[in-house]
C-alpha atoms as a PDB file:
ATOM      1  CA  UNK A   1     -44.118 163.038  69.474  1.00  0.00           C
ATOM      2  CA  UNK A   2     -45.715 166.570  70.395  1.00  0.00           C
ATOM      3  CA  UNK A   3     -44.150 169.594  69.745  1.00  0.00           C
ATOM      4  CA  UNK A   4     -44.811 172.935  71.132  1.00  0.00           C
ATOM      5  CA  UNK A   5     -44.369 176.297  68.668  1.00  0.00           C
ATOM      6  CA  UNK A   6     -43.418 179.426  70.687  1.00  0.00           C
ATOM      7  CA  UNK A   7     -44.171 181.708  67.709  1.00  0.00           C
ATOM      8  CA  UNK A   8     -45.778 181.915  64.110  1.00  0.00           C
ATOM      9  CA  UNK A   9     -43.462 179.852  62.078  1.00  0.00           C
ATOM     10  CA  UNK A  10     -43.270 180.577  58.217  1.00  0.00           C
ATOM     11  CA  UNK A  11     -41.326 178.071  56.064  1.00  0.00           C
ATOM     12  CA  UNK A  12     -40.939 177.029  52.463  1.00  0.00           C
ATOM     13  CA  UNK A  13     -39.614 173.760  50.678  1.00  0.00           C
ATOM     14  CA  UNK A  14     -39.938 174.849  47.076  1.00  0.00           C
ATOM     15  CA  UNK A  15     -39.081 178.629  46.921  1.00  0.00           C
ATOM     16  CA  UNK A  16     -42.653 179.198  45.378  1.00  0.00           C
ATOM     17  CA  UNK A  17     -45.278 178.855  48.212  1.00  0.00           C
ATOM     18  CA  UNK A  18     -44.987 179.781  51.807  1.00  0.00           C
ATOM     19  CA  UNK A  19     -46.751 177.793  54.555  1.00  0.00           C
ATOM     20  CA  UNK A  20     -47.495 178.957  58.294  1.00  0.00           C
ATOM     21  CA  UNK A  21     -47.928 177.062  61.390  1.00  0.00           C
ATOM     22  CA  UNK A  22     -49.486 178.996  64.182  1.00  0.00           C
ATOM     23  CA  UNK A  23     -48.336 178.922  67.948  1.00  0.00           C
ATOM     24  CA  UNK A  24     -49.577 176.062  69.971  1.00  0.00           C
ATOM     25  CA  UNK A  25     -48.974 172.296  70.712  1.00  0.00           C
ATOM     26  CA  UNK A  26     -49.253 170.015  67.814  1.00  0.00           C
ATOM     27  CA  UNK A  27     -49.138 166.180  66.901  1.00  0.00           C
ATOM     28  CA  UNK A  28     -46.273 165.592  64.701  1.00  0.00           C
ATOM     29  CA  UNK A  29     -47.256 163.006  62.196  1.00  0.00           C
ATOM     30  CA  UNK A  30     -50.976 163.970  62.306  1.00  0.00           C
ATOM     31  CA  UNK A  31     -51.403 167.526  62.600  1.00  0.00           C
ATOM     32  CA  UNK A  32     -47.878 168.993  61.299  1.00  0.00           C
ATOM     33  CA  UNK A  33     -45.757 167.428  58.650  1.00  0.00           C
ATOM     34  CA  UNK A  34     -42.795 165.606  59.748  1.00  0.00           C
ATOM     35  CA  UNK A  35     -40.441 167.693  57.573  1.00  0.00           C
ATOM     36  CA  UNK A  36     -41.800 170.954  58.911  1.00  0.00           C
ATOM     37  CA  UNK A  37     -41.669 169.912  62.478  1.00  0.00           C
ATOM     38  CA  UNK A  38     -37.731 169.043  61.873  1.00  0.00           C
ATOM     39  CA  UNK A  39     -37.301 172.239  60.404  1.00  0.00           C
ATOM     40  CA  UNK A  40     -39.011 174.046  63.163  1.00  0.00           C
ATOM     41  CA  UNK A  41     -36.848 172.396  65.690  1.00  0.00           C
ATOM     42  CA  UNK A  42     -33.601 173.074  63.799  1.00  0.00           C
ATOM     43  CA  UNK A  43     -34.353 177.065  63.632  1.00  0.00           C
ATOM     44  CA  UNK A  44     -35.581 177.052  67.365  1.00  0.00           C
ATOM     45  CA  UNK A  45     -39.268 177.930  67.045  1.00  0.00           C
ATOM     46  CA  UNK A  46     -40.175 174.710  68.562  1.00  0.00           C
ATOM     47  CA  UNK A  47     -39.545 172.595  71.296  1.00  0.00           C
ATOM     48  CA  UNK A  48     -40.569 168.912  72.115  1.00  0.00           C
ATOM     49  CA  UNK A  49     -43.118 168.459  74.578  1.00  0.00           C
ATOM     50  CA  UNK A  50     -42.023 165.459  76.979  1.00  0.00           C
ATOM     51  CA  UNK A  51     -44.408 162.720  77.115  1.00  0.00           C
ATOM     52  CA  UNK A  52     -45.837 162.019  80.716  1.00  0.00           C
ATOM     53  CA  UNK A  53     -45.648 158.289  81.526  1.00  0.00           C
ATOM     54  CA  UNK A  54     -48.267 157.189  84.278  1.00  0.00           C
ATOM     55  CA  UNK A  55     -46.693 155.033  86.852  1.00  0.00           C
ATOM     56  CA  UNK A  56     -48.626 152.151  87.950  1.00  0.00           C
ATOM     57  CA  UNK A  57     -48.724 151.850  91.969  1.00  0.00           C
ATOM     58  CA  UNK A  58     -46.619 149.174  93.237  1.00  0.00           C
ATOM     59  CA  UNK A  59     -49.158 148.022  95.733  1.00  0.00           C
ATOM     60  CA  UNK A  60     -52.275 146.450  94.419  1.00  0.00           C
ATOM     61  CA  UNK A  61     -55.527 145.534  96.387  1.00  0.00           C
ATOM     62  CA  UNK A  62     -56.115 142.070  97.174  1.00  0.00           C
ATOM     63  CA  UNK A  63     -59.320 140.625  98.133  1.00  0.00           C
ATOM     64  CA  UNK A  64     -59.764 139.867 101.847  1.00  0.00           C
ATOM     65  CA  UNK A  65     -59.166 136.389 103.192  1.00  0.00           C
ATOM     66  CA  UNK A  66     -61.830 134.191 104.078  1.00  0.00           C
ATOM     67  CA  UNK A  67     -62.059 134.353 107.754  1.00  0.00           C
ATOM     68  CA  UNK A  68     -63.166 131.368 109.889  1.00  0.00           C
ATOM     69  CA  UNK A  69     -65.693 132.440 112.639  1.00  0.00           C
ATOM     70  CA  UNK A  70     -66.069 130.326 115.678  1.00  0.00           C
ATOM     71  CA  UNK A  71     -69.762 129.013 116.429  1.00  0.00           C
ATOM     72  CA  UNK A  72     -71.092 129.638 119.761  1.00  0.00           C
ATOM     73  CA  UNK A  73     -70.397 126.791 122.137  1.00  0.00           C
ATOM     74  CA  UNK A  74     -73.730 124.968 122.908  1.00  0.00           C
ATOM     75  CA  UNK A  75     -74.387 124.111 126.347  1.00  0.00           C
END
């Protein structure tokens, strides 16, 4: 899941140290902690980026059929 942060988001979990996430697009499990992303979504600082699903075309290219060619008639 990707999230987009609209602005700088400051948060704390233990009331001792503050963390900061800059604005931009982030992958949740890799770049940003899951709990921090959930908190940013609750506070309205972030929105979920919809994933684009590529559709496969319904028509597929098929190989041309073998064409029978006529031989010239010999006289």
